[in-house]
Amino acid sequence: MSEIKIALDWTVNTNHTGFVVAQELGWYAQHGLEVELLTPEADNYALTPAKKVELGQADFALCPLESIISYRTKARPFDAIAVAALLTEDLSSIVTLKRPDIQSPKDLAGKIYASYQARYEDQIVAKMLENDGATDPLTITYPEKLGIWNTLLQQQADATWIFDNWEGVQARQQGVALTSFRLADYGIPYGYSPVIMASEKRGLENGEAYRKFLRVSGQGFLHAKDHPEEAVALLQKLVPAADRNPGFLLESQQYTAEYYGSGPSWGHMSPARVQRYLDWLAEYGLETRKLPLSEVMTNDLL
C-alpha cells in the first residue's frame, strides 16, 4: 500500500466531498492507497496545509493559488506546484451582513475586515475597494482562522472572505442575510481556489501513486455529483457536529457539484487563466518576481 496524506484547508466540508467519498467507499484501498485526511482543527491551524507539505508531513495540501507563488518566491524557495483544481470556478466572495450602509465594496472603506493573513489577501481586498472607487483603506484584523466566520456573525468585524457554497449556504439556511462581492466583478482575475498542491520533486519521485490518488479522488467527486444524497450521508460522518444538518449539507452539495467539472476534465486548470492571474499580480505590484507558468501549475499528474 502507498501511504498518502492530504492536508485539507479547513474542517471537512463539501469542497472535500470527493476525498471523503473515495475514502468511505473504499476506493483508495482498492487501488493500493492508504489515504489520511489531515484537518486543521487538529492543531488549530498552527501549521498551514501548504507548510505541512513543505515539512514533509503531507503529500498534498489544499490551498489558494497564491500559496504556490509564495513558496516559490520566498528567500529559501520550496518547489510547491498546483497539480489540480478542486472547482472549475472561484466560489468565494467578500461578504458583509446585509445592512443599508454597505451596498458595494467602496462602502467598506474605514470598516473592519477579518483577514486570514494569506499572502496577497489584504492587498487583493484593498484593490477591490480601490477598483470600486474607495479612497480610504480598510481596518484589518487577524482573528483565529477557524473563528473568523463567527467574528462576522457576532459583528466584531464588518466583512470577511467566505466560500459561497459553504458559509453562504449556511447563512441562507439560518436566515442570515448577506451582501456578497465577487472578485471577478471588480476586475480581479483570481484564478483557482482551492488547488491541490504538491512538491514538484516528490511528484516526479512518486508519480504513479500521486496520479492514482488524483484519479481516484476525481472519481469520488464525480460520483458525488451524480449521487448527492449518498455523498451527504458519507460527509455527515466527518463534518463538525455543528454542520451535520442534512438539509444544509444537501443544499451545499448540490450547489458545489455543478463546479466539480466532468469526466476526464476533472481537476484540469486552464494555463491561460492562471497566467492572467500571474500577470495581474505583477501589473499591480503585488508580486515583484514574475514566475514562469511551469513553476506554478501542471496538469501532468491528471
Protein backbone atom coordinates (compact mmCIF):
# COMPACT_ATOMS: atom_id res chain seq x y z
CA MET A 1 0.00 0.00 0.00
CA SER A 2 1.19 3.52 -0.80
CA GLU A 3 0.62 5.95 2.06
CA ILE A 4 -0.78 9.33 1.04
CA LYS A 5 -1.57 12.24 3.34
CA ILE A 6 -3.54 15.27 2.20
CA ALA A 7 -3.79 18.36 4.39
CA LEU A 8 -7.23 19.91 3.98
CA ASP A 9 -7.62 23.69 4.04
CA TRP A 10 -10.49 23.66 6.54
CA THR A 11 -12.66 21.39 8.62
CA VAL A 12 -14.31 18.81 6.35
CA ASN A 13 -16.89 20.38 4.02
CA THR A 14 -18.39 19.98 0.56
CA ASN A 15 -15.21 21.19 -1.17
CA HIS A 16 -13.71 17.94 0.15
CA THR A 17 -16.55 15.57 -0.72
CA GLY A 18 -14.67 13.59 -3.36
CA PHE A 19 -11.92 12.64 -0.93
CA VAL A 20 -14.50 11.55 1.65
CA VAL A 21 -16.47 9.50 -0.92
CA ALA A 22 -13.34 7.74 -2.20
CA GLN A 23 -12.23 7.06 1.36
CA GLU A 24 -15.55 5.89 2.77
CA LEU A 25 -16.41 3.67 -0.22
CA GLY A 26 -13.01 2.00 0.00
CA TRP A 27 -11.85 3.12 -3.43
CA TYR A 28 -8.44 4.32 -2.29
CA ALA A 29 -7.76 0.98 -0.62
CA GLN A 30 -8.95 -0.89 -3.70
CA HIS A 31 -6.26 0.93 -5.67
CA GLY A 32 -3.48 0.24 -3.19
CA LEU A 33 -3.61 3.59 -1.41
CA GLU A 34 -3.74 4.22 2.32
CA VAL A 35 -5.03 7.79 2.50
CA GLU A 36 -5.20 10.03 5.56
CA LEU A 37 -7.14 13.30 5.54
CA LEU A 38 -5.46 15.86 7.81
CA THR A 39 -7.68 18.66 9.08
CA PRO A 40 -6.51 21.97 10.59
CA GLU A 41 -8.51 21.73 13.81
CA ALA A 42 -6.05 19.03 14.91
CA ASP A 43 -3.52 21.81 15.66
CA ASN A 44 -5.82 24.86 15.44
CA TYR A 45 -4.06 25.94 12.25
CA ALA A 46 -0.63 26.13 13.91
CA LEU A 47 0.72 24.98 10.55
CA THR A 48 -0.90 25.82 7.24
CA PRO A 49 -1.73 22.91 4.94
CA ALA A 50 0.98 24.01 2.49
CA LYS A 51 3.55 24.19 5.29
CA LYS A 52 2.80 20.55 6.12
CA VAL A 53 3.80 19.62 2.56
CA GLU A 54 6.98 21.67 2.80
CA LEU A 55 7.89 19.92 6.07
CA GLY A 56 7.16 16.50 4.59
CA GLN A 57 4.19 15.92 6.91
CA ALA A 58 1.78 15.66 3.94
CA ASP A 59 1.99 14.72 0.27
CA PHE A 60 -0.73 17.11 -0.85
CA ALA A 61 -2.40 20.22 0.53
CA LEU A 62 -5.40 22.30 -0.39
CA CYS A 63 -4.52 25.97 -0.65
CA PRO A 64 -5.18 29.08 -2.73
CA LEU A 65 -3.05 29.50 -5.84
CA GLU A 66 -1.13 32.34 -4.23
CA SER A 67 0.37 29.91 -1.71
CA ILE A 68 2.23 28.31 -4.61
CA ILE A 69 3.64 31.69 -5.63
CA SER A 70 4.53 32.49 -2.03
CA TYR A 71 6.57 29.31 -1.60
CA ARG A 72 8.31 29.73 -4.94
CA THR A 73 9.37 33.31 -4.24
CA LYS A 74 10.44 33.22 -0.59
CA ALA A 75 14.08 33.59 0.46
CA ARG A 76 14.54 29.81 0.54
CA PRO A 77 12.11 28.62 -2.15
CA PHE A 78 10.15 25.39 -1.94
CA ASP A 79 9.10 23.60 -5.13
CA ALA A 80 5.35 23.86 -4.50
CA ILE A 81 3.19 23.34 -7.55
CA ALA A 82 -0.55 23.19 -8.21
CA VAL A 83 -1.46 19.77 -9.62
CA ALA A 84 -5.26 20.05 -9.79
CA ALA A 85 -8.11 22.48 -9.17
CA LEU A 86 -10.98 21.36 -6.95
CA LEU A 87 -13.52 23.67 -8.57
CA THR A 88 -13.91 24.97 -12.10
CA GLU A 89 -14.81 28.46 -10.85
CA ASP A 90 -13.96 30.65 -7.87
CA LEU A 91 -16.88 30.25 -5.46
CA SER A 92 -15.59 32.72 -2.89
CA SER A 93 -16.80 36.22 -2.05
CA ILE A 94 -16.11 39.11 0.26
CA VAL A 95 -19.25 39.39 2.39
CA THR A 96 -20.91 41.57 4.99
CA LEU A 97 -24.07 41.16 7.00
CA LYS A 98 -26.78 42.87 4.95
CA ARG A 99 -27.03 46.50 6.07
CA PRO A 100 -28.04 49.75 4.39
CA ASP A 101 -24.66 51.47 4.68
CA ILE A 102 -22.78 48.79 2.67
CA GLN A 103 -24.02 48.42 -0.89
CA SER A 104 -20.74 47.95 -2.76
CA PRO A 105 -17.05 47.38 -1.90
CA LYS A 106 -16.26 51.10 -1.69
CA ASP A 107 -18.61 51.29 1.30
CA LEU A 108 -16.17 49.06 3.23
CA ALA A 109 -13.66 51.93 3.44
CA GLY A 110 -12.88 52.51 7.11
CA LYS A 111 -14.69 49.30 8.12
CA ILE A 112 -13.15 46.26 9.86
CA TYR A 113 -12.09 43.31 7.71
CA ALA A 114 -11.31 39.94 9.36
CA SER A 115 -8.32 38.53 7.47
CA TYR A 116 -6.89 35.02 7.19
CA GLN A 117 -3.49 36.66 6.67
CA ALA A 118 -2.93 34.88 3.34
CA ARG A 119 -0.09 36.12 1.12
CA TYR A 120 -1.97 38.67 -1.00
CA GLU A 121 -5.33 38.68 0.76
CA ASP A 122 -5.23 42.14 2.30
CA GLN A 123 -3.89 43.73 -0.90
CA ILE A 124 -6.47 41.94 -3.05
CA VAL A 125 -9.34 43.15 -0.87
CA ALA A 126 -7.86 46.66 -0.84
CA LYS A 127 -7.63 46.53 -4.65
CA MET A 128 -11.28 45.54 -4.87
CA LEU A 129 -12.21 48.64 -2.85
CA GLU A 130 -9.94 50.82 -4.96
CA ASN A 131 -11.43 49.45 -8.20
CA ASP A 132 -14.85 50.37 -6.87
CA GLY A 133 -13.79 53.94 -6.13
CA ALA A 134 -12.87 53.81 -2.43
CA THR A 135 -10.31 56.35 -1.24
CA ASP A 136 -9.93 55.28 2.41
CA PRO A 137 -8.43 51.94 3.50
CA LEU A 138 -9.90 49.05 5.45
CA THR A 139 -9.03 48.34 9.05
CA ILE A 140 -7.54 44.82 9.05
CA THR A 141 -7.81 42.42 12.00
CA TYR A 142 -6.39 38.89 12.32
CA PRO A 143 -8.65 36.68 14.47
CA GLU A 144 -8.02 32.96 14.92
CA LYS A 145 -8.59 31.45 11.48
CA LEU A 146 -11.17 28.87 12.49
CA GLY A 147 -13.20 31.55 14.28
CA ILE A 148 -13.28 34.20 11.53
CA TRP A 149 -16.81 33.41 10.34
CA ASN A 150 -18.11 33.92 13.88
CA THR A 151 -16.46 37.35 14.11
CA LEU A 152 -18.73 38.44 11.26
CA LEU A 153 -21.85 36.85 12.75
CA GLN A 154 -21.09 38.44 16.13
CA GLN A 155 -20.45 41.81 14.44
CA GLN A 156 -16.87 42.02 15.67
CA ALA A 157 -15.89 42.55 12.03
CA ASP A 158 -17.74 44.17 9.14
CA ALA A 159 -16.51 41.90 6.36
CA THR A 160 -14.56 38.74 5.61
CA TRP A 161 -13.86 36.24 2.81
CA ILE A 162 -16.07 33.14 2.57
CA PHE A 163 -16.96 30.26 0.29
CA ASP A 164 -20.44 30.92 -1.08
CA ASN A 165 -21.10 27.18 -1.27
CA TRP A 166 -20.44 26.66 2.46
CA GLU A 167 -20.78 29.69 4.76
CA GLY A 168 -23.00 31.35 2.14
CA VAL A 169 -25.41 28.40 2.12
CA GLN A 170 -25.15 28.11 5.90
CA ALA A 171 -26.15 31.75 6.31
CA ARG A 172 -29.14 31.35 3.99
CA GLN A 173 -30.27 28.23 5.89
CA GLN A 174 -30.05 30.15 9.17
CA GLY A 175 -31.85 33.22 7.85
CA VAL A 176 -28.73 35.41 7.99
CA ALA A 177 -28.85 37.92 5.12
CA LEU A 178 -25.50 38.65 3.47
CA THR A 179 -24.26 41.10 0.88
CA SER A 180 -21.64 39.45 -1.34
CA PHE A 181 -18.97 40.87 -3.63
CA ARG A 182 -17.24 38.56 -6.15
CA LEU A 183 -13.66 39.46 -7.06
CA ALA A 184 -14.22 38.94 -10.79
CA ASP A 185 -16.95 41.60 -10.77
CA TYR A 186 -14.36 44.18 -9.69
CA GLY A 187 -11.56 43.47 -12.14
CA ILE A 188 -9.66 40.80 -10.18
CA PRO A 189 -8.97 37.57 -12.15
CA TYR A 190 -8.50 35.39 -9.08
CA GLY A 191 -7.87 32.09 -10.88
CA TYR A 192 -8.50 28.88 -8.94
CA SER A 193 -9.08 28.32 -5.24
CA PRO A 194 -8.51 25.91 -3.70
CA VAL A 195 -5.95 23.96 -5.67
CA ILE A 196 -4.30 20.67 -4.78
CA MET A 197 -0.65 21.43 -4.12
CA ALA A 198 2.33 19.07 -4.01
CA SER A 199 6.10 19.19 -4.12
CA GLU A 200 7.22 19.09 -7.75
CA LYS A 201 10.21 16.86 -6.88
CA ARG A 202 8.12 14.42 -4.85
CA GLY A 203 5.52 14.39 -7.61
CA LEU A 204 8.17 13.10 -10.01
CA GLU A 205 9.50 10.58 -7.49
CA ASN A 206 6.03 9.24 -6.58
CA GLY A 207 4.34 9.78 -9.91
CA GLU A 208 2.40 6.52 -10.05
CA ALA A 209 0.94 6.82 -6.53
CA TYR A 210 0.23 10.55 -6.92
CA ARG A 211 -1.52 10.06 -10.28
CA LYS A 212 -3.57 7.21 -8.81
CA PHE A 213 -4.59 9.38 -5.83
CA LEU A 214 -5.73 12.20 -8.09
CA ARG A 215 -7.57 9.84 -10.47
CA VAL A 216 -9.47 8.09 -7.66
CA SER A 217 -10.21 11.42 -5.95
CA GLY A 218 -11.65 12.73 -9.20
CA GLN A 219 -13.88 9.66 -9.42
CA GLY A 220 -15.04 10.44 -5.89
CA PHE A 221 -16.01 13.98 -6.83
CA LEU A 222 -17.84 12.87 -9.97
CA HIS A 223 -19.68 10.15 -8.03
CA ALA A 224 -20.75 12.80 -5.51
CA LYS A 225 -22.00 14.96 -8.37
CA ASP A 226 -24.27 12.15 -9.61
CA HIS A 227 -25.29 10.87 -6.14
CA PRO A 228 -25.62 13.92 -3.85
CA GLU A 229 -27.74 12.21 -1.17
CA GLU A 230 -25.24 9.36 -0.82
CA ALA A 231 -22.37 11.86 -0.72
CA VAL A 232 -24.08 13.84 2.05
CA ALA A 233 -24.62 10.68 4.11
CA LEU A 234 -20.90 9.92 3.89
CA LEU A 235 -19.88 13.53 4.51
CA GLN A 236 -22.14 13.78 7.54
CA LYS A 237 -19.88 11.34 9.41
CA LEU A 238 -16.86 13.64 9.17
CA VAL A 239 -18.06 17.24 9.23
CA PRO A 240 -18.06 19.07 12.60
CA ALA A 241 -21.14 18.36 14.71
CA ALA A 242 -22.48 21.89 14.17
CA ASP A 243 -22.54 21.32 10.38
CA ARG A 244 -24.39 17.97 10.29
CA ASN A 245 -27.79 19.36 9.34
CA PRO A 246 -28.72 17.17 6.34
CA GLY A 247 -30.74 19.92 4.63
CA PHE A 248 -27.79 22.30 4.80
CA LEU A 249 -25.33 19.66 3.59
CA LEU A 250 -27.55 18.65 0.68
CA GLU A 251 -28.06 22.25 -0.48
CA SER A 252 -24.32 22.90 -0.18
CA GLN A 253 -23.54 19.66 -2.03
CA GLN A 254 -25.92 20.40 -4.88
CA TYR A 255 -24.56 23.95 -5.18
CA THR A 256 -20.95 22.76 -5.24
CA ALA A 257 -21.36 19.73 -7.52
CA GLU A 258 -22.00 21.94 -10.55
CA TYR A 259 -18.39 23.15 -10.26
CA TYR A 260 -16.62 19.78 -9.89
CA GLY A 261 -16.06 19.52 -13.63
CA SER A 262 -16.80 16.39 -15.61
CA GLY A 263 -15.20 13.16 -16.79
CA PRO A 264 -11.60 13.38 -17.95
CA SER A 265 -11.51 17.15 -17.43
CA TRP A 266 -11.74 16.85 -13.63
CA GLY A 267 -9.05 18.87 -11.91
CA HIS A 268 -7.63 20.43 -15.08
CA MET A 269 -6.52 24.05 -14.86
CA SER A 270 -6.54 26.48 -17.77
CA PRO A 271 -2.98 27.77 -18.28
CA ALA A 272 -4.42 30.98 -19.73
CA ARG A 273 -6.48 31.63 -16.61
CA VAL A 274 -3.54 31.04 -14.28
CA GLN A 275 -1.35 33.26 -16.48
CA ARG A 276 -3.91 36.07 -16.28
CA TYR A 277 -3.72 35.94 -12.50
CA LEU A 278 0.10 35.96 -12.52
CA ASP A 279 0.07 38.92 -14.92
CA TRP A 280 -2.43 40.77 -12.72
CA LEU A 281 -0.29 40.28 -9.59
CA ALA A 282 2.72 41.64 -11.45
CA GLU A 283 0.82 44.53 -13.02
CA TYR A 284 -0.33 45.84 -9.66
CA GLY A 285 2.95 45.21 -7.87
CA LEU A 286 1.62 42.53 -5.55
CA GLU A 287 4.39 40.26 -6.76
CA THR A 288 7.72 41.61 -7.99
CA ARG A 289 9.05 38.36 -9.39
CA LYS A 290 7.07 37.06 -12.36
CA LEU A 291 7.18 33.27 -12.20
CA PRO A 292 7.03 31.10 -15.32
CA LEU A 293 3.76 29.20 -15.56
CA SER A 294 5.63 25.88 -15.34
CA GLU A 295 6.66 26.70 -11.74
CA VAL A 296 3.09 27.41 -10.66
CA MET A 297 0.88 24.69 -12.19
CA THR A 298 0.86 21.45 -14.09
CA ASN A 299 -1.87 19.15 -15.42
CA ASP A 300 0.64 16.35 -16.00
CA LEU A 301 -0.42 14.26 -12.99
CA LEU A 302 -4.06 14.20 -14.08
